[in-house]
Each structure stands twice: as structure tokens, then as C-alpha cells.
Amino acid sequence: MGKHFFDYDDGDFAYAISDRMAIDSDGDLLMRMDDHMAMDMDSGELHMISDWSREEEE
């Protein structure tokens, strides 16, 4: 937990709050779909992101 990653679609960083959820600088929740994709929980849009590896991989 606590990993930062870059959201290429929004052009900002997000902060992982669990292994499946994150929050970006605008306060939007993101749900992890895989290591390089997340869904914006407010809009339902898919976002390409930098690596969001699982906790057990670190």
C-alpha cells in the first residue's frame, strides 16, 4: 500500500489506498483493472497508467 503511479489520461499522479483502489489529485477514485489500466469510478472511463504492481510483488 502507498504506491504512487502516473495516470497518463489525466496527466497526474494517483496514490494507491489499497491493492485495488487509488485516489488521484482531484479526489477521484480509481479501481485497478490490471497493472497498466484503471477505471475512474466517477465517470466509468478506463485510464492507462504506469505500473501499479500488486503488494505481494514488491
PDB file of N, CA and C in Angstrom:
ATOM      1  N   MET A   1       0.847  -1.182   0.000  1.00  0.00           N
ATOM      2  CA  MET A   1       0.000   0.000   0.000  1.00  0.00           C
ATOM      3  C   MET A   1       0.887   1.237   0.000  1.00  0.00           C
ATOM      4  N   GLY A   2       0.391   2.351  -0.522  1.00  0.00           N
ATOM      5  CA  GLY A   2       1.136   3.582  -0.519  1.00  0.00           C
ATOM      6  C   GLY A   2       1.926   3.842  -1.774  1.00  0.00           C
ATOM      7  N   LYS A   3       1.685   3.087  -2.824  1.00  0.00           N
ATOM      8  CA  LYS A   3       2.430   3.252  -4.063  1.00  0.00           C
ATOM      9  C   LYS A   3       1.813   4.362  -4.917  1.00  0.00           C
ATOM     10  N   HIS A   4       2.678   5.201  -5.465  1.00  0.00           N
ATOM     11  CA  HIS A   4       2.247   6.230  -6.408  1.00  0.00           C
ATOM     12  C   HIS A   4       2.396   5.695  -7.824  1.00  0.00           C
ATOM     13  N   PHE A   5       1.531   6.121  -8.709  1.00  0.00           N
ATOM     14  CA  PHE A   5       1.663   5.792 -10.126  1.00  0.00           C
ATOM     15  C   PHE A   5       1.123   6.964 -10.927  1.00  0.00           C
ATOM     16  N   PHE A   6       1.470   7.002 -12.204  1.00  0.00           N
ATOM     17  CA  PHE A   6       1.096   8.109 -13.077  1.00  0.00           C
ATOM     18  C   PHE A   6      -0.099   7.711 -13.929  1.00  0.00           C
ATOM     19  N   ASP A   7      -1.093   8.585 -13.992  1.00  0.00           N
ATOM     20  CA  ASP A   7      -2.275   8.398 -14.840  1.00  0.00           C
ATOM     21  C   ASP A   7      -2.031   9.190 -16.131  1.00  0.00           C
ATOM     22  N   TYR A   8      -1.740   8.472 -17.204  1.00  0.00           N
ATOM     23  CA  TYR A   8      -1.429   9.125 -18.475  1.00  0.00           C
ATOM     24  C   TYR A   8      -2.616   9.893 -19.057  1.00  0.00           C
ATOM     25  N   ASP A   9      -3.834   9.432 -18.813  1.00  0.00           N
ATOM     26  CA  ASP A   9      -5.011  10.100 -19.370  1.00  0.00           C
ATOM     27  C   ASP A   9      -5.299  11.431 -18.692  1.00  0.00           C
ATOM     28  N   ASP A  10      -5.069  11.511 -17.385  1.00  0.00           N
ATOM     29  CA  ASP A  10      -5.300  12.763 -16.659  1.00  0.00           C
ATOM     30  C   ASP A  10      -4.047  13.621 -16.552  1.00  0.00           C
ATOM     31  N   GLY A  11      -2.893  13.003 -16.765  1.00  0.00           N
ATOM     32  CA  GLY A  11      -1.648  13.753 -16.661  1.00  0.00           C
ATOM     33  C   GLY A  11      -1.262  14.076 -15.233  1.00  0.00           C
ATOM     34  N   ASP A  12      -1.685  13.238 -14.272  1.00  0.00           N
ATOM     35  CA  ASP A  12      -1.312  13.472 -12.886  1.00  0.00           C
ATOM     36  C   ASP A  12      -1.028  12.157 -12.184  1.00  0.00           C
ATOM     37  N   PHE A  13      -0.603  12.262 -10.945  1.00  0.00           N
ATOM     38  CA  PHE A  13      -0.282  11.084 -10.157  1.00  0.00           C
ATOM     39  C   PHE A  13      -1.481  10.657  -9.324  1.00  0.00           C
ATOM     40  N   ALA A  14      -1.515   9.374  -9.006  1.00  0.00           N
ATOM     41  CA  ALA A  14      -2.528   8.822  -8.114  1.00  0.00           C
ATOM     42  C   ALA A  14      -1.812   8.041  -7.021  1.00  0.00           C
ATOM     43  N   TYR A  15      -2.498   7.845  -5.920  1.00  0.00           N
ATOM     44  CA  TYR A  15      -1.933   7.210  -4.743  1.00  0.00           C
ATOM     45  C   TYR A  15      -2.767   5.979  -4.403  1.00  0.00           C
ATOM     46  N   ALA A  16      -2.171   4.806  -4.399  1.00  0.00           N
ATOM     47  CA  ALA A  16      -2.881   3.572  -4.071  1.00  0.00           C
ATOM     48  C   ALA A  16      -3.260   3.578  -2.593  1.00  0.00           C
ATOM     49  N   ILE A  17      -4.544   3.367  -2.318  1.00  0.00           N
ATOM     50  CA  ILE A  17      -5.012   3.306  -0.932  1.00  0.00           C
ATOM     51  C   ILE A  17      -5.283   1.867  -0.508  1.00  0.00           C
ATOM     52  N   SER A  18      -5.301   0.950  -1.467  1.00  0.00           N
ATOM     53  CA  SER A  18      -5.379  -0.488  -1.213  1.00  0.00           C
ATOM     54  C   SER A  18      -4.828  -1.180  -2.451  1.00  0.00           C
ATOM     55  N   ASP A  19      -4.893  -2.509  -2.481  1.00  0.00           N
ATOM     56  CA  ASP A  19      -4.356  -3.206  -3.647  1.00  0.00           C
ATOM     57  C   ASP A  19      -5.256  -3.071  -4.867  1.00  0.00           C
ATOM     58  N   ARG A  20      -6.512  -2.607  -4.710  1.00  0.00           N
ATOM     59  CA  ARG A  20      -7.442  -2.462  -5.834  1.00  0.00           C
ATOM     60  C   ARG A  20      -7.953  -1.033  -6.036  1.00  0.00           C
ATOM     61  N   MET A  21      -7.744  -0.135  -5.085  1.00  0.00           N
ATOM     62  CA  MET A  21      -8.297   1.213  -5.158  1.00  0.00           C
ATOM     63  C   MET A  21      -7.196   2.264  -5.000  1.00  0.00           C
ATOM     64  N   ALA A  22      -7.421   3.400  -5.669  1.00  0.00           N
ATOM     65  CA  ALA A  22      -6.491   4.527  -5.578  1.00  0.00           C
ATOM     66  C   ALA A  22      -7.305   5.814  -5.625  1.00  0.00           C
ATOM     67  N   ILE A  23      -6.648   6.898  -5.295  1.00  0.00           N
ATOM     68  CA  ILE A  23      -7.263   8.219  -5.365  1.00  0.00           C
ATOM     69  C   ILE A  23      -6.288   9.135  -6.091  1.00  0.00           C
ATOM     70  N   ASP A  24      -6.826   9.962  -7.012  1.00  0.00           N
ATOM     71  CA  ASP A  24      -5.946  10.869  -7.750  1.00  0.00           C
ATOM     72  C   ASP A  24      -5.955  12.252  -7.116  1.00  0.00           C
ATOM     73  N   SER A  25      -5.214  13.180  -7.680  1.00  0.00           N
ATOM     74  CA  SER A  25      -5.075  14.513  -7.092  1.00  0.00           C
ATOM     75  C   SER A  25      -6.373  15.319  -7.121  1.00  0.00           C
ATOM     76  N   ASP A  26      -7.336  14.909  -7.955  1.00  0.00           N
ATOM     77  CA  ASP A  26      -8.650  15.576  -7.989  1.00  0.00           C
ATOM     78  C   ASP A  26      -9.625  14.963  -6.990  1.00  0.00           C
ATOM     79  N   GLY A  27      -9.219  13.900  -6.302  1.00  0.00           N
ATOM     80  CA  GLY A  27     -10.080  13.225  -5.344  1.00  0.00           C
ATOM     81  C   GLY A  27     -10.942  12.140  -5.957  1.00  0.00           C
ATOM     82  N   ASP A  28     -10.700  11.806  -7.237  1.00  0.00           N
ATOM     83  CA  ASP A  28     -11.468  10.756  -7.898  1.00  0.00           C
ATOM     84  C   ASP A  28     -10.923   9.389  -7.520  1.00  0.00           C
ATOM     85  N   LEU A  29     -11.833   8.435  -7.326  1.00  0.00           N
ATOM     86  CA  LEU A  29     -11.435   7.065  -7.034  1.00  0.00           C
ATOM     87  C   LEU A  29     -11.146   6.313  -8.320  1.00  0.00           C
ATOM     88  N   LEU A  30     -10.092   5.520  -8.303  1.00  0.00           N
ATOM     89  CA  LEU A  30      -9.721   4.665  -9.424  1.00  0.00           C
ATOM     90  C   LEU A  30      -9.700   3.224  -8.938  1.00  0.00           C
ATOM     91  N   MET A  31     -10.249   2.319  -9.748  1.00  0.00           N
ATOM     92  CA  MET A  31     -10.200   0.903  -9.420  1.00  0.00           C
ATOM     93  C   MET A  31      -9.247   0.205 -10.378  1.00  0.00           C
ATOM     94  N   ARG A  32      -8.338  -0.561  -9.833  1.00  0.00           N
ATOM     95  CA  ARG A  32      -7.322  -1.263 -10.622  1.00  0.00           C
ATOM     96  C   ARG A  32      -7.976  -2.360 -11.453  1.00  0.00           C
ATOM     97  N   MET A  33      -7.720  -2.341 -12.759  1.00  0.00           N
ATOM     98  CA  MET A  33      -8.209  -3.378 -13.658  1.00  0.00           C
ATOM     99  C   MET A  33      -7.086  -4.378 -13.958  1.00  0.00           C
ATOM    100  N   ASP A  34      -5.870  -3.885 -14.170  1.00  0.00           N
ATOM    101  CA  ASP A  34      -4.656  -4.686 -14.288  1.00  0.00           C
ATOM    102  C   ASP A  34      -3.478  -3.775 -13.992  1.00  0.00           C
ATOM    103  N   ASP A  35      -2.259  -4.233 -14.252  1.00  0.00           N
ATOM    104  CA  ASP A  35      -1.077  -3.453 -13.878  1.00  0.00           C
ATOM    105  C   ASP A  35      -0.970  -2.110 -14.601  1.00  0.00           C
ATOM    106  N   HIS A  36      -1.608  -1.962 -15.760  1.00  0.00           N
ATOM    107  CA  HIS A  36      -1.476  -0.726 -16.538  1.00  0.00           C
ATOM    108  C   HIS A  36      -2.820  -0.121 -16.941  1.00  0.00           C
ATOM    109  N   MET A  37      -3.896  -0.450 -16.208  1.00  0.00           N
ATOM    110  CA  MET A  37      -5.206   0.092 -16.531  1.00  0.00           C
ATOM    111  C   MET A  37      -6.029   0.230 -15.251  1.00  0.00           C
ATOM    112  N   ALA A  38      -6.734   1.357 -15.153  1.00  0.00           N
ATOM    113  CA  ALA A  38      -7.619   1.592 -14.020  1.00  0.00           C
ATOM    114  C   ALA A  38      -8.901   2.225 -14.527  1.00  0.00           C
ATOM    115  N   MET A  39      -9.993   2.021 -13.782  1.00  0.00           N
ATOM    116  CA  MET A  39     -11.275   2.619 -14.138  1.00  0.00           C
ATOM    117  C   MET A  39     -11.584   3.756 -13.181  1.00  0.00           C
ATOM    118  N   ASP A  40     -11.929   4.907 -13.738  1.00  0.00           N
ATOM    119  CA  ASP A  40     -12.375   6.046 -12.952  1.00  0.00           C
ATOM    120  C   ASP A  40     -13.768   5.705 -12.442  1.00  0.00           C
ATOM    121  N   MET A  41     -13.940   5.630 -11.133  1.00  0.00           N
ATOM    122  CA  MET A  41     -15.213   5.208 -10.557  1.00  0.00           C
ATOM    123  C   MET A  41     -16.303   6.271 -10.691  1.00  0.00           C
ATOM    124  N   ASP A  42     -15.936   7.524 -10.948  1.00  0.00           N
ATOM    125  CA  ASP A  42     -16.936   8.575 -11.143  1.00  0.00           C
ATOM    126  C   ASP A  42     -17.493   8.566 -12.556  1.00  0.00           C
ATOM    127  N   SER A  43     -16.619   8.421 -13.546  1.00  0.00           N
ATOM    128  CA  SER A  43     -17.052   8.514 -14.948  1.00  0.00           C
ATOM    129  C   SER A  43     -17.191   7.156 -15.631  1.00  0.00           C
ATOM    130  N   GLY A  44     -16.533   6.121 -15.096  1.00  0.00           N
ATOM    131  CA  GLY A  44     -16.539   4.813 -15.729  1.00  0.00           C
ATOM    132  C   GLY A  44     -15.519   4.686 -16.850  1.00  0.00           C
ATOM    133  N   GLU A  45     -14.725   5.731 -17.087  1.00  0.00           N
ATOM    134  CA  GLU A  45     -13.715   5.707 -18.143  1.00  0.00           C
ATOM    135  C   GLU A  45     -12.513   4.866 -17.730  1.00  0.00           C
ATOM    136  N   LEU A  46     -11.917   4.197 -18.710  1.00  0.00           N
ATOM    137  CA  LEU A  46     -10.684   3.452 -18.466  1.00  0.00           C
ATOM    138  C   LEU A  46      -9.496   4.370 -18.686  1.00  0.00           C
ATOM    139  N   HIS A  47      -8.503   4.270 -17.833  1.00  0.00           N
ATOM    140  CA  HIS A  47      -7.310   5.105 -17.897  1.00  0.00           C
ATOM    141  C   HIS A  47      -6.080   4.226 -18.013  1.00  0.00           C
ATOM    142  N   MET A  48      -5.169   4.622 -18.882  1.00  0.00           N
ATOM    143  CA  MET A  48      -3.864   3.970 -18.977  1.00  0.00           C
ATOM    144  C   MET A  48      -2.975   4.577 -17.893  1.00  0.00           C
ATOM    145  N   ILE A  49      -2.302   3.709 -17.156  1.00  0.00           N
ATOM    146  CA  ILE A  49      -1.485   4.166 -16.034  1.00  0.00           C
ATOM    147  C   ILE A  49      -0.096   3.537 -16.099  1.00  0.00           C
ATOM    148  N   SER A  50       0.835   4.137 -15.365  1.00  0.00           N
ATOM    149  CA  SER A  50       2.139   3.489 -15.206  1.00  0.00           C
ATOM    150  C   SER A  50       1.938   2.266 -14.315  1.00  0.00           C
ATOM    151  N   ASP A  51       2.966   1.524 -14.077  1.00  0.00           N
ATOM    152  CA  ASP A  51       2.866   0.250 -13.366  1.00  0.00           C
ATOM    153  C   ASP A  51       2.234   0.392 -11.993  1.00  0.00           C
ATOM    154  N   TRP A  52       1.170  -0.373 -11.759  1.00  0.00           N
ATOM    155  CA  TRP A  52       0.532  -0.489 -10.450  1.00  0.00           C
ATOM    156  C   TRP A  52       0.672  -1.945 -10.060  1.00  0.00           C
ATOM    157  N   SER A  53       1.813  -2.302  -9.526  1.00  0.00           N
ATOM    158  CA  SER A  53       2.070  -3.696  -9.206  1.00  0.00           C
ATOM    159  C   SER A  53       1.347  -4.077  -7.917  1.00  0.00           C
ATOM    160  N   ARG A  54       1.123  -5.359  -7.757  1.00  0.00           N
ATOM    161  CA  ARG A  54       0.449  -5.887  -6.563  1.00  0.00           C
ATOM    162  C   ARG A  54       1.387  -5.843  -5.380  1.00  0.00           C
ATOM    163  N   GLU A  55       0.815  -5.751  -4.190  1.00  0.00           N
ATOM    164  CA  GLU A  55       1.598  -5.702  -2.959  1.00  0.00           C
ATOM    165  C   GLU A  55       2.539  -6.893  -2.833  1.00  0.00           C
ATOM    166  N   GLU A  56       2.062  -8.099  -3.143  1.00  0.00           N
ATOM    167  CA  GLU A  56       2.891  -9.284  -2.973  1.00  0.00           C
ATOM    168  C   GLU A  56       4.061  -9.337  -3.947  1.00  0.00           C
ATOM    169  N   GLU A  57       4.048  -8.517  -4.997  1.00  0.00           N
ATOM    170  CA  GLU A  57       5.145  -8.486  -5.957  1.00  0.00           C
ATOM    171  C   GLU A  57       6.279  -7.579  -5.506  1.00  0.00           C
ATOM    172  N   GLU A  58       6.020  -6.707  -4.553  1.00  0.00           N
ATOM    173  CA  GLU A  58       7.027  -5.733  -4.134  1.00  0.00           C
ATOM    174  C   GLU A  58       8.018  -6.331  -3.179  1.00  0.00           C
TER     175      GLU A  58
END
